[in-house]
């Protein structure tokens, strides 16, 4: 119940949202969405490990989501990122087709997606891990990376949307999404540190400059930390701004 109330609260209080596709004659739309969701995943083996060794459960209860995409006629594509509690992050590219008819109050797209899942934790470490001479004194972290494929359903409540601006070319509309993902590669834990590989300085035409720092993760595979679940799902709501 608390999770449902949290999503409803986000839905009511958020300031941004999505577009009324079928009420505008243009073929191409650019969208930017923000939302909140609930991941559903069985990480029982990993949870038992953290409970046994750290007396805590690494919960992943709520995620914040960002999505940027483009719609062309009956097709859409984009990139989405979800950052959850417990240092869990997923990111993916998706592309798919509209399922609903024109003028439908629900504009629904079914997408195929491919992406990655990662965890970066500085509070967890492999049990009985012995640091090498190169690792002594370093800021160590536990990293997890995996590749997944899945289905991503993105649905806009177009009858609740509004158009704003002088020419009504910006639309705000709420919606909801459901994702089903399956791990197809990776799932590896590594323990290591970020190595400083120097910096690069770039100059603008006006003479000003900025500097970027180059880092590389140097780590070793560890096998006593259980892998995360090979399948997971998520669902939530979003509010999207669309430009015609």
C-alpha atoms as a PDB file:
ATOM      1  CA  UNK A   1       0.000   0.000   0.000  1.00  0.00           C
ATOM      2  CA  UNK A   2       2.827   2.427   0.837  1.00  0.00           C
ATOM      3  CA  UNK A   3       4.391   1.821  -2.571  1.00  0.00           C
ATOM      4  CA  UNK A   4       1.097   2.508  -4.354  1.00  0.00           C
ATOM      5  CA  UNK A   5       0.549   5.698  -2.351  1.00  0.00           C
ATOM      6  CA  UNK A   6       4.085   6.818  -3.201  1.00  0.00           C
ATOM      7  CA  UNK A   7       3.449   6.388  -6.918  1.00  0.00           C
ATOM      8  CA  UNK A   8       0.120   8.212  -6.689  1.00  0.00           C
ATOM      9  CA  UNK A   9       1.747  11.044  -4.764  1.00  0.00           C
ATOM     10  CA  UNK A  10       4.441  11.360  -7.425  1.00  0.00           C
ATOM     11  CA  UNK A  11       1.801  11.305 -10.155  1.00  0.00           C
ATOM     12  CA  UNK A  12      -0.253  14.079  -8.539  1.00  0.00           C
ATOM     13  CA  UNK A  13       2.544  16.415  -7.476  1.00  0.00           C
ATOM     14  CA  UNK A  14       4.933  16.211 -10.438  1.00  0.00           C
ATOM     15  CA  UNK A  15       5.035  19.214 -12.743  1.00  0.00           C
ATOM     16  CA  UNK A  16       5.890  17.690 -16.127  1.00  0.00           C
ATOM     17  CA  UNK A  17       4.270  15.145 -18.505  1.00  0.00           C
ATOM     18  CA  UNK A  18       3.448  13.797 -22.199  1.00  0.00           C
ATOM     19  CA  UNK A  19       1.888  14.439 -25.584  1.00  0.00           C
ATOM     20  CA  UNK A  20      -1.463  13.953 -27.297  1.00  0.00           C
ATOM     21  CA  UNK A  21      -0.156  12.058 -30.317  1.00  0.00           C
ATOM     22  CA  UNK A  22      -3.349  11.486 -32.212  1.00  0.00           C
ATOM     23  CA  UNK A  23      -4.666  15.009 -31.766  1.00  0.00           C
ATOM     24  CA  UNK A  24      -1.808  16.599 -33.710  1.00  0.00           C
ATOM     25  CA  UNK A  25      -1.240  16.136 -37.472  1.00  0.00           C
ATOM     26  CA  UNK A  26       2.558  16.101 -37.256  1.00  0.00           C
ATOM     27  CA  UNK A  27       4.354  12.805 -37.857  1.00  0.00           C
ATOM     28  CA  UNK A  28       7.369  13.324 -35.601  1.00  0.00           C
ATOM     29  CA  UNK A  29       7.457  13.992 -31.851  1.00  0.00           C
ATOM     30  CA  UNK A  30      10.340  14.321 -29.418  1.00  0.00           C
ATOM     31  CA  UNK A  31       9.654  13.257 -25.839  1.00  0.00           C
ATOM     32  CA  UNK A  32      11.289  13.605 -22.460  1.00  0.00           C
ATOM     33  CA  UNK A  33       9.786  11.738 -19.506  1.00  0.00           C
ATOM     34  CA  UNK A  34      10.414  11.537 -15.778  1.00  0.00           C
ATOM     35  CA  UNK A  35       8.783   8.989 -13.517  1.00  0.00           C
ATOM     36  CA  UNK A  36       8.919   6.629 -10.587  1.00  0.00           C
ATOM     37  CA  UNK A  37       8.543   2.863 -10.529  1.00  0.00           C
ATOM     38  CA  UNK A  38       8.648  -0.285  -8.449  1.00  0.00           C
ATOM     39  CA  UNK A  39      11.193  -2.978  -9.428  1.00  0.00           C
ATOM     40  CA  UNK A  40      10.044  -6.575  -8.938  1.00  0.00           C
ATOM     41  CA  UNK A  41      12.980  -8.978  -8.619  1.00  0.00           C
ATOM     42  CA  UNK A  42      13.921 -12.049  -6.601  1.00  0.00           C
ATOM     43  CA  UNK A  43      17.459 -11.455  -5.323  1.00  0.00           C
ATOM     44  CA  UNK A  44      17.038 -13.904  -2.447  1.00  0.00           C
ATOM     45  CA  UNK A  45      20.546 -15.418  -2.756  1.00  0.00           C
ATOM     46  CA  UNK A  46      22.179 -11.986  -2.743  1.00  0.00           C
ATOM     47  CA  UNK A  47      19.904 -10.858   0.101  1.00  0.00           C
ATOM     48  CA  UNK A  48      20.913 -13.863   2.214  1.00  0.00           C
ATOM     49  CA  UNK A  49      24.581 -13.063   1.583  1.00  0.00           C
ATOM     50  CA  UNK A  50      24.259  -9.410   2.659  1.00  0.00           C
ATOM     51  CA  UNK A  51      22.131 -10.396   5.648  1.00  0.00           C
ATOM     52  CA  UNK A  52      24.664 -13.003   6.776  1.00  0.00           C
ATOM     53  CA  UNK A  53      27.768 -10.864   6.296  1.00  0.00           C
ATOM     54  CA  UNK A  54      26.490  -7.313   6.812  1.00  0.00           C
ATOM     55  CA  UNK A  55      23.275  -7.823   8.775  1.00  0.00           C
ATOM     56  CA  UNK A  56      21.309  -5.821   6.218  1.00  0.00           C
ATOM     57  CA  UNK A  57      19.134  -6.344   3.171  1.00  0.00           C
ATOM     58  CA  UNK A  58      20.082  -4.395   0.073  1.00  0.00           C
ATOM     59  CA  UNK A  59      16.573  -3.252  -0.822  1.00  0.00           C
ATOM     60  CA  UNK A  60      15.666  -2.036  -4.304  1.00  0.00           C
ATOM     61  CA  UNK A  61      12.155  -0.786  -3.593  1.00  0.00           C
ATOM     62  CA  UNK A  62      11.688   2.342  -5.696  1.00  0.00           C
ATOM     63  CA  UNK A  63      13.405   3.642  -8.824  1.00  0.00           C
ATOM     64  CA  UNK A  64      13.519   7.030 -10.484  1.00  0.00           C
ATOM     65  CA  UNK A  65      13.306   6.942 -14.274  1.00  0.00           C
ATOM     66  CA  UNK A  66      14.313   9.224 -17.136  1.00  0.00           C
ATOM     67  CA  UNK A  67      13.421   8.564 -20.773  1.00  0.00           C
ATOM     68  CA  UNK A  68      14.230  10.500 -23.940  1.00  0.00           C
ATOM     69  CA  UNK A  69      12.843   9.380 -27.270  1.00  0.00           C
ATOM     70  CA  UNK A  70      11.372  10.155 -30.665  1.00  0.00           C
ATOM     71  CA  UNK A  71       8.076   9.065 -32.239  1.00  0.00           C
ATOM     72  CA  UNK A  72       7.677   8.811 -36.014  1.00  0.00           C
ATOM     73  CA  UNK A  73       4.157   7.933 -37.164  1.00  0.00           C
ATOM     74  CA  UNK A  74       3.471   4.524 -35.590  1.00  0.00           C
ATOM     75  CA  UNK A  75       7.028   3.878 -34.406  1.00  0.00           C
ATOM     76  CA  UNK A  76       9.116   5.060 -31.481  1.00  0.00           C
ATOM     77  CA  UNK A  77      12.665   4.663 -30.173  1.00  0.00           C
ATOM     78  CA  UNK A  78      14.638   6.033 -27.286  1.00  0.00           C
ATOM     79  CA  UNK A  79      16.926   5.613 -24.311  1.00  0.00           C
ATOM     80  CA  UNK A  80      15.836   5.153 -20.722  1.00  0.00           C
ATOM     81  CA  UNK A  81      17.679   5.035 -17.404  1.00  0.00           C
ATOM     82  CA  UNK A  82      16.367   3.847 -14.035  1.00  0.00           C
ATOM     83  CA  UNK A  83      18.260   4.472 -10.804  1.00  0.00           C
ATOM     84  CA  UNK A  84      16.957   2.485  -7.857  1.00  0.00           C
ATOM     85  CA  UNK A  85      17.550   2.422  -4.155  1.00  0.00           C
ATOM     86  CA  UNK A  86      20.475   0.228  -3.129  1.00  0.00           C
ATOM     87  CA  UNK A  87      22.804   1.498  -5.911  1.00  0.00           C
ATOM     88  CA  UNK A  88      20.949  -0.463  -8.624  1.00  0.00           C
ATOM     89  CA  UNK A  89      20.998   1.164 -12.087  1.00  0.00           C
ATOM     90  CA  UNK A  90      19.550  -0.057 -15.396  1.00  0.00           C
ATOM     91  CA  UNK A  91      19.907   1.594 -18.797  1.00  0.00           C
ATOM     92  CA  UNK A  92      18.621   0.528 -22.189  1.00  0.00           C
ATOM     93  CA  UNK A  93      17.879   1.398 -25.802  1.00  0.00           C
ATOM     94  CA  UNK A  94      14.381   0.572 -27.001  1.00  0.00           C
ATOM     95  CA  UNK A  95      12.443   0.597 -30.266  1.00  0.00           C
ATOM     96  CA  UNK A  96       8.925  -0.502 -31.071  1.00  0.00           C
ATOM     97  CA  UNK A  97       5.519   0.100 -32.592  1.00  0.00           C
ATOM     98  CA  UNK A  98       2.232   1.647 -31.556  1.00  0.00           C
ATOM     99  CA  UNK A  99      -0.479  -0.912 -30.795  1.00  0.00           C
ATOM    100  CA  UNK A 100      -3.512   1.310 -30.356  1.00  0.00           C
ATOM    101  CA  UNK A 101      -5.743   2.890 -32.990  1.00  0.00           C
ATOM    102  CA  UNK A 102      -5.749   6.573 -33.912  1.00  0.00           C
ATOM    103  CA  UNK A 103      -7.761   8.822 -31.579  1.00  0.00           C
ATOM    104  CA  UNK A 104      -7.512   6.227 -28.809  1.00  0.00           C
ATOM    105  CA  UNK A 105      -7.550   7.698 -25.273  1.00  0.00           C
ATOM    106  CA  UNK A 106      -4.667   5.316 -24.493  1.00  0.00           C
ATOM    107  CA  UNK A 107      -1.638   5.550 -26.792  1.00  0.00           C
ATOM    108  CA  UNK A 108       0.347   2.354 -26.245  1.00  0.00           C
ATOM    109  CA  UNK A 109       3.747   1.322 -27.640  1.00  0.00           C
ATOM    110  CA  UNK A 110       5.295  -2.136 -27.295  1.00  0.00           C
ATOM    111  CA  UNK A 111       9.091  -2.026 -27.515  1.00  0.00           C
ATOM    112  CA  UNK A 112      11.995  -4.421 -27.646  1.00  0.00           C
ATOM    113  CA  UNK A 113      14.906  -3.231 -25.527  1.00  0.00           C
ATOM    114  CA  UNK A 114      18.517  -4.149 -24.885  1.00  0.00           C
ATOM    115  CA  UNK A 115      20.571  -2.723 -22.067  1.00  0.00           C
ATOM    116  CA  UNK A 116      22.638  -3.199 -18.976  1.00  0.00           C
ATOM    117  CA  UNK A 117      22.293  -3.449 -15.237  1.00  0.00           C
ATOM    118  CA  UNK A 118      24.962  -2.243 -12.833  1.00  0.00           C
ATOM    119  CA  UNK A 119      25.661  -1.891  -9.136  1.00  0.00           C
ATOM    120  CA  UNK A 120      28.503   0.166  -7.662  1.00  0.00           C
ATOM    121  CA  UNK A 121      28.903  -0.223  -3.903  1.00  0.00           C
ATOM    122  CA  UNK A 122      31.580   1.124  -1.577  1.00  0.00           C
ATOM    123  CA  UNK A 123      29.932  -0.444   1.471  1.00  0.00           C
ATOM    124  CA  UNK A 124      30.118  -4.092   0.358  1.00  0.00           C
ATOM    125  CA  UNK A 125      33.216  -6.227  -0.136  1.00  0.00           C
ATOM    126  CA  UNK A 126      33.957  -9.911  -0.783  1.00  0.00           C
ATOM    127  CA  UNK A 127      34.357 -11.882   2.429  1.00  0.00           C
ATOM    128  CA  UNK A 128      37.979 -12.702   3.346  1.00  0.00           C
ATOM    129  CA  UNK A 129      39.315 -10.805   0.330  1.00  0.00           C
ATOM    130  CA  UNK A 130      43.045 -10.069   0.615  1.00  0.00           C
ATOM    131  CA  UNK A 131      44.174  -6.796  -0.916  1.00  0.00           C
ATOM    132  CA  UNK A 132      47.103  -6.932  -3.320  1.00  0.00           C
ATOM    133  CA  UNK A 133      50.005  -4.462  -2.937  1.00  0.00           C
ATOM    134  CA  UNK A 134      48.519  -2.340  -5.750  1.00  0.00           C
ATOM    135  CA  UNK A 135      45.162  -2.179  -3.954  1.00  0.00           C
ATOM    136  CA  UNK A 136      46.445  -1.118  -0.548  1.00  0.00           C
ATOM    137  CA  UNK A 137      45.300   2.393   0.295  1.00  0.00           C
ATOM    138  CA  UNK A 138      42.895   2.550  -2.657  1.00  0.00           C
ATOM    139  CA  UNK A 139      39.207   3.484  -2.414  1.00  0.00           C
ATOM    140  CA  UNK A 140      37.859  -0.007  -3.160  1.00  0.00           C
ATOM    141  CA  UNK A 141      34.408  -0.715  -4.564  1.00  0.00           C
ATOM    142  CA  UNK A 142      32.303  -3.719  -5.561  1.00  0.00           C
ATOM    143  CA  UNK A 143      30.986  -3.564  -9.138  1.00  0.00           C
ATOM    144  CA  UNK A 144      28.332  -5.642 -10.897  1.00  0.00           C
ATOM    145  CA  UNK A 145      27.540  -5.568 -14.614  1.00  0.00           C
ATOM    146  CA  UNK A 146      25.098  -7.562 -16.719  1.00  0.00           C
ATOM    147  CA  UNK A 147      23.449  -7.357 -20.146  1.00  0.00           C
ATOM    148  CA  UNK A 148      19.725  -7.899 -20.607  1.00  0.00           C
ATOM    149  CA  UNK A 149      17.008  -7.942 -23.262  1.00  0.00           C
ATOM    150  CA  UNK A 150      13.338  -7.375 -22.676  1.00  0.00           C
ATOM    151  CA  UNK A 151       9.946  -5.964 -23.559  1.00  0.00           C
ATOM    152  CA  UNK A 152       9.004  -2.437 -22.563  1.00  0.00           C
ATOM    153  CA  UNK A 153       5.398  -1.237 -22.765  1.00  0.00           C
ATOM    154  CA  UNK A 154       5.037   2.557 -22.700  1.00  0.00           C
ATOM    155  CA  UNK A 155       1.501   3.912 -22.435  1.00  0.00           C
ATOM    156  CA  UNK A 156       0.281   7.511 -22.628  1.00  0.00           C
ATOM    157  CA  UNK A 157      -3.059   8.664 -21.223  1.00  0.00           C
ATOM    158  CA  UNK A 158      -3.578  11.103 -24.082  1.00  0.00           C
ATOM    159  CA  UNK A 159      -7.084  12.146 -22.986  1.00  0.00           C
ATOM    160  CA  UNK A 160      -5.517  13.632 -19.831  1.00  0.00           C
ATOM    161  CA  UNK A 161      -2.864  15.590 -21.707  1.00  0.00           C
ATOM    162  CA  UNK A 162      -2.785  19.323 -22.352  1.00  0.00           C
ATOM    163  CA  UNK A 163      -1.093  21.440 -25.014  1.00  0.00           C
ATOM    164  CA  UNK A 164       0.760  24.596 -24.034  1.00  0.00           C
ATOM    165  CA  UNK A 165       2.631  27.426 -25.735  1.00  0.00           C
ATOM    166  CA  UNK A 166       1.535  30.031 -28.277  1.00  0.00           C
ATOM    167  CA  UNK A 167       1.250  27.498 -31.086  1.00  0.00           C
ATOM    168  CA  UNK A 168       0.272  24.592 -28.802  1.00  0.00           C
ATOM    169  CA  UNK A 169       3.348  22.689 -29.954  1.00  0.00           C
ATOM    170  CA  UNK A 170       4.365  21.458 -26.520  1.00  0.00           C
ATOM    171  CA  UNK A 171       2.204  18.801 -24.892  1.00  0.00           C
ATOM    172  CA  UNK A 172       2.086  17.488 -21.349  1.00  0.00           C
ATOM    173  CA  UNK A 173       0.608  14.048 -20.697  1.00  0.00           C
ATOM    174  CA  UNK A 174       0.797  11.385 -17.953  1.00  0.00           C
ATOM    175  CA  UNK A 175       1.305   7.702 -18.539  1.00  0.00           C
ATOM    176  CA  UNK A 176       2.477   4.375 -17.175  1.00  0.00           C
ATOM    177  CA  UNK A 177       4.979   1.702 -18.164  1.00  0.00           C
ATOM    178  CA  UNK A 178       5.723  -1.994 -17.633  1.00  0.00           C
ATOM    179  CA  UNK A 179       9.059  -3.676 -18.332  1.00  0.00           C
ATOM    180  CA  UNK A 180      10.018  -7.368 -18.463  1.00  0.00           C
ATOM    181  CA  UNK A 181      13.753  -8.095 -18.686  1.00  0.00           C
ATOM    182  CA  UNK A 182      15.964 -11.183 -18.917  1.00  0.00           C
ATOM    183  CA  UNK A 183      19.728 -11.333 -18.398  1.00  0.00           C
ATOM    184  CA  UNK A 184      21.616 -12.735 -21.391  1.00  0.00           C
ATOM    185  CA  UNK A 185      25.215 -11.939 -20.483  1.00  0.00           C
ATOM    186  CA  UNK A 186      27.562 -10.782 -17.799  1.00  0.00           C
ATOM    187  CA  UNK A 187      26.305 -11.001 -14.257  1.00  0.00           C
ATOM    188  CA  UNK A 188      29.859 -10.664 -12.962  1.00  0.00           C
ATOM    189  CA  UNK A 189      30.979  -9.115  -9.689  1.00  0.00           C
ATOM    190  CA  UNK A 190      34.376  -7.374  -9.625  1.00  0.00           C
ATOM    191  CA  UNK A 191      36.213  -5.799  -6.711  1.00  0.00           C
ATOM    192  CA  UNK A 192      38.681  -3.032  -7.403  1.00  0.00           C
ATOM    193  CA  UNK A 193      39.293   0.690  -7.678  1.00  0.00           C
ATOM    194  CA  UNK A 194      39.227   3.597 -10.131  1.00  0.00           C
ATOM    195  CA  UNK A 195      42.647   4.248 -11.624  1.00  0.00           C
ATOM    196  CA  UNK A 196      43.533   7.839 -12.512  1.00  0.00           C
ATOM    197  CA  UNK A 197      44.762   7.949 -16.113  1.00  0.00           C
ATOM    198  CA  UNK A 198      45.439  11.676 -16.231  1.00  0.00           C
ATOM    199  CA  UNK A 199      43.322  14.473 -17.634  1.00  0.00           C
ATOM    200  CA  UNK A 200      42.563  16.208 -20.925  1.00  0.00           C
ATOM    201  CA  UNK A 201      42.075  19.949 -21.406  1.00  0.00           C
ATOM    202  CA  UNK A 202      39.796  21.285 -24.141  1.00  0.00           C
ATOM    203  CA  UNK A 203      39.655  24.887 -25.364  1.00  0.00           C
ATOM    204  CA  UNK A 204      36.757  26.925 -26.710  1.00  0.00           C
ATOM    205  CA  UNK A 205      37.144  29.496 -29.491  1.00  0.00           C
ATOM    206  CA  UNK A 206      36.957  32.328 -26.961  1.00  0.00           C
ATOM    207  CA  UNK A 207      40.027  30.988 -25.159  1.00  0.00           C
ATOM    208  CA  UNK A 208      38.227  29.471 -22.177  1.00  0.00           C
ATOM    209  CA  UNK A 209      38.778  25.819 -21.363  1.00  0.00           C
ATOM    210  CA  UNK A 210      37.566  22.850 -19.379  1.00  0.00           C
ATOM    211  CA  UNK A 211      39.316  19.739 -18.108  1.00  0.00           C
ATOM    212  CA  UNK A 212      38.099  16.150 -17.964  1.00  0.00           C
ATOM    213  CA  UNK A 213      39.584  13.441 -15.748  1.00  0.00           C
ATOM    214  CA  UNK A 214      40.189  10.012 -17.281  1.00  0.00           C
ATOM    215  CA  UNK A 215      39.588   7.046 -15.003  1.00  0.00           C
ATOM    216  CA  UNK A 216      39.523   3.303 -15.542  1.00  0.00           C
ATOM    217  CA  UNK A 217      38.110   0.646 -13.236  1.00  0.00           C
ATOM    218  CA  UNK A 218      40.749  -1.933 -12.320  1.00  0.00           C
ATOM    219  CA  UNK A 219      39.314  -4.969 -10.592  1.00  0.00           C
ATOM    220  CA  UNK A 220      39.315  -8.720 -10.114  1.00  0.00           C
ATOM    221  CA  UNK A 221      36.406 -11.088 -10.553  1.00  0.00           C
ATOM    222  CA  UNK A 222      35.005 -12.398  -7.287  1.00  0.00           C
ATOM    223  CA  UNK A 223      32.890 -15.517  -7.049  1.00  0.00           C
ATOM    224  CA  UNK A 224      31.638 -15.657  -3.466  1.00  0.00           C
ATOM    225  CA  UNK A 225      29.126 -12.824  -4.020  1.00  0.00           C
ATOM    226  CA  UNK A 226      25.878 -14.300  -5.450  1.00  0.00           C
ATOM    227  CA  UNK A 227      24.692 -13.091  -8.830  1.00  0.00           C
ATOM    228  CA  UNK A 228      21.538 -11.027  -9.054  1.00  0.00           C
ATOM    229  CA  UNK A 229      18.381 -12.581 -10.508  1.00  0.00           C
ATOM    230  CA  UNK A 230      18.474 -13.380 -14.224  1.00  0.00           C
ATOM    231  CA  UNK A 231      14.970 -11.996 -14.768  1.00  0.00           C
ATOM    232  CA  UNK A 232      13.190  -8.989 -13.346  1.00  0.00           C
ATOM    233  CA  UNK A 233      10.333  -6.623 -14.091  1.00  0.00           C
ATOM    234  CA  UNK A 234       9.271  -3.103 -13.222  1.00  0.00           C
ATOM    235  CA  UNK A 235       6.202  -0.922 -13.430  1.00  0.00           C
ATOM    236  CA  UNK A 236       5.441   2.686 -12.704  1.00  0.00           C
ATOM    237  CA  UNK A 237       4.117   6.047 -13.830  1.00  0.00           C
ATOM    238  CA  UNK A 238       5.676   8.926 -15.711  1.00  0.00           C
ATOM    239  CA  UNK A 239       5.026  12.482 -16.821  1.00  0.00           C
ATOM    240  CA  UNK A 240       6.399  13.521 -20.186  1.00  0.00           C
ATOM    241  CA  UNK A 241       6.966  16.722 -22.141  1.00  0.00           C
ATOM    242  CA  UNK A 242       6.601  16.348 -25.898  1.00  0.00           C
ATOM    243  CA  UNK A 243       7.642  18.841 -28.584  1.00  0.00           C
ATOM    244  CA  UNK A 244       6.028  18.759 -32.032  1.00  0.00           C
END
